[in-house]
C-alpha atoms as a PDB file:
ATOM      1  CA  MET A   1     -19.921 -24.641  15.413  1.00  0.00           C
ATOM      2  CA  ASP A   2     -19.459 -23.277  11.885  1.00  0.00           C
ATOM      3  CA  ASN A   3     -21.340 -20.101  12.772  1.00  0.00           C
ATOM      4  CA  LYS A   4     -19.167 -19.604  15.823  1.00  0.00           C
ATOM      5  CA  VAL A   5     -16.042 -19.918  13.679  1.00  0.00           C
ATOM      6  CA  LEU A   6     -17.419 -17.479  11.118  1.00  0.00           C
ATOM      7  CA  ASP A   7     -18.334 -14.989  13.855  1.00  0.00           C
ATOM      8  CA  LEU A   8     -14.818 -15.206  15.282  1.00  0.00           C
ATOM      9  CA  ILE A   9     -13.300 -14.654  11.846  1.00  0.00           C
ATOM     10  CA  LYS A  10     -15.557 -11.659  11.191  1.00  0.00           C
ATOM     11  CA  THR A  11     -14.389 -10.065  14.439  1.00  0.00           C
ATOM     12  CA  SER A  12     -10.734 -10.620  13.485  1.00  0.00           C
ATOM     13  CA  ARG A  13     -10.193 -13.266  16.134  1.00  0.00           C
ATOM     14  CA  ASP A  14      -8.491 -15.690  13.784  1.00  0.00           C
ATOM     15  CA  ASP A  15      -6.481 -17.445  16.479  1.00  0.00           C
ATOM     16  CA  ASP A  16      -9.626 -18.272  18.444  1.00  0.00           C
ATOM     17  CA  ALA A  17     -11.307 -19.478  15.250  1.00  0.00           C
ATOM     18  CA  LYS A  18      -8.375 -21.804  14.543  1.00  0.00           C
ATOM     19  CA  LYS A  19      -8.734 -23.315  18.021  1.00  0.00           C
ATOM     20  CA  CYS A  20     -12.382 -24.099  17.333  1.00  0.00           C
ATOM     21  CA  LEU A  21     -11.632 -25.997  14.148  1.00  0.00           C
ATOM     22  CA  PRO A  22     -10.386 -29.550  14.238  1.00  0.00           C
ATOM     23  CA  THR A  23      -6.683 -29.483  13.478  1.00  0.00           C
ATOM     24  CA  SER A  24      -6.211 -33.211  13.058  1.00  0.00           C
ATOM     25  CA  SER A  25      -6.431 -32.879   9.290  1.00  0.00           C
ATOM     26  CA  PRO A  26      -2.999 -32.395   7.663  1.00  0.00           C
ATOM     27  CA  ALA A  27      -4.659 -30.674   4.706  1.00  0.00           C
ATOM     28  CA  LEU A  28      -6.327 -28.158   7.020  1.00  0.00           C
ATOM     29  CA  GLU A  29      -3.053 -27.462   8.804  1.00  0.00           C
ATOM     30  CA  LYS A  30      -1.300 -26.987   5.462  1.00  0.00           C
ATOM     31  CA  TRP A  31      -4.084 -24.599   4.435  1.00  0.00           C
ATOM     32  CA  PHE A  32      -3.552 -22.517   7.586  1.00  0.00           C
ATOM     33  CA  VAL A  33       0.194 -22.347   6.960  1.00  0.00           C
ATOM     34  CA  THR A  34      -0.398 -21.295   3.370  1.00  0.00           C
ATOM     35  CA  LEU A  35      -2.828 -18.601   4.486  1.00  0.00           C
ATOM     36  CA  GLU A  36      -0.303 -17.270   6.983  1.00  0.00           C
ATOM     37  CA  GLU A  37       2.328 -17.140   4.250  1.00  0.00           C
ATOM     38  CA  LEU A  38      -0.116 -15.293   2.012  1.00  0.00           C
ATOM     39  CA  VAL A  39      -0.826 -12.748   4.739  1.00  0.00           C
ATOM     40  CA  GLN A  40       2.903 -12.202   5.274  1.00  0.00           C
ATOM     41  CA  HIS A  41       3.433 -11.776   1.533  1.00  0.00           C
ATOM     42  CA  GLN A  42       0.591  -9.253   1.312  1.00  0.00           C
ATOM     43  CA  GLU A  43       1.991  -7.258   4.224  1.00  0.00           C
ATOM     44  CA  GLU A  44       5.459  -7.174   2.656  1.00  0.00           C
ATOM     45  CA  ARG A  45       4.025  -6.127  -0.722  1.00  0.00           C
ATOM     46  CA  SER A  46       1.940  -3.406   0.920  1.00  0.00           C
ATOM     47  CA  LYS A  47       4.995  -1.998   2.671  1.00  0.00           C
ATOM     48  CA  PHE A  48       6.998  -2.142  -0.565  1.00  0.00           C
ATOM     49  CA  ARG A  49       4.224  -0.442  -2.546  1.00  0.00           C
ATOM     50  CA  TYR A  50       3.880   2.249   0.109  1.00  0.00           C
ATOM     51  CA  THR A  51       7.617   2.981  -0.006  1.00  0.00           C
ATOM     52  CA  GLU A  52       7.596   2.950  -3.786  1.00  0.00           C
ATOM     53  CA  SER A  53       4.632   5.320  -3.989  1.00  0.00           C
ATOM     54  CA  MET A  54       6.191   7.718  -1.476  1.00  0.00           C
ATOM     55  CA  ASN A  55       9.376   7.824  -3.564  1.00  0.00           C
ATOM     56  CA  ASP A  56       7.334   8.501  -6.695  1.00  0.00           C
ATOM     57  CA  TYR A  57       5.435  11.240  -4.860  1.00  0.00           C
ATOM     58  CA  LYS A  58       8.661  12.941  -3.757  1.00  0.00           C
ATOM     59  CA  GLN A  59      10.139  12.786  -7.253  1.00  0.00           C
ATOM     60  CA  THR A  60       6.952  14.154  -8.790  1.00  0.00           C
ATOM     61  CA  ARG A  61       6.783  16.971  -6.246  1.00  0.00           C
ATOM     62  CA  VAL A  62      10.343  18.046  -7.065  1.00  0.00           C
ATOM     63  CA  LEU A  63       9.626  17.857 -10.799  1.00  0.00           C
ATOM     64  CA  MET A  64       6.508  20.000 -10.419  1.00  0.00           C
ATOM     65  CA  LEU A  65       8.409  22.591  -8.371  1.00  0.00           C
ATOM     66  CA  VAL A  66      11.149  22.755 -11.013  1.00  0.00           C
ATOM     67  CA  LEU A  67       8.617  23.063 -13.835  1.00  0.00           C
ATOM     68  CA  GLY A  68       6.759  25.756 -11.903  1.00  0.00           C
ATOM     69  CA  ALA A  69       9.971  27.704 -11.350  1.00  0.00           C
ATOM     70  CA  LEU A  70      10.837  27.394 -15.050  1.00  0.00           C
ATOM     71  CA  ALA A  71       7.362  28.647 -15.989  1.00  0.00           C
ATOM     72  CA  VAL A  72       7.750  31.681 -13.711  1.00  0.00           C
ATOM     73  CA  ALA A  73      11.229  32.402 -15.093  1.00  0.00           C
ATOM     74  CA  LEU A  74       9.923  32.121 -18.666  1.00  0.00           C
ATOM     75  CA  ALA A  75       7.042  34.454 -17.844  1.00  0.00           C
ATOM     76  CA  PHE A  76       9.474  37.030 -16.427  1.00  0.00           C
ATOM     77  CA  ALA A  77      11.709  36.716 -19.484  1.00  0.00           C
ATOM     78  CA  VAL A  78       8.807  37.157 -21.907  1.00  0.00           C
ATOM     79  CA  GLY A  79       7.405  40.029 -19.898  1.00  0.00           C
ATOM     80  CA  PHE A  80      10.774  41.762 -19.661  1.00  0.00           C
ATOM     81  CA  THR A  81      11.375  41.261 -23.413  1.00  0.00           C
ATOM     82  CA  LEU A  82       7.991  42.705 -24.316  1.00  0.00           C
ATOM     83  CA  LEU A  83       8.338  45.682 -21.981  1.00  0.00           C
ATOM     84  CA  ALA A  84      11.909  46.421 -23.057  1.00  0.00           C
ATOM     85  CA  GLN A  85      10.871  47.096 -26.655  1.00  0.00           C
END
């Protein structure tokens, strides 16, 4: 029975695996609830981190474009100054 449960878990069939385990134990039921809460927390954190990283990416992209434009403008100014003499 344990191997069947492990095989179901490996194939991401958690609900079927839960049905195979005896659920009469309050500790086991509490463990399942805690695991579900952990999964929900991880999903929320992943979404938050994704949003946060996308915001950082956008800010960095704008900063790099501004710095690139400043570098080009400085190059033109130096070039014009050197050629004007």
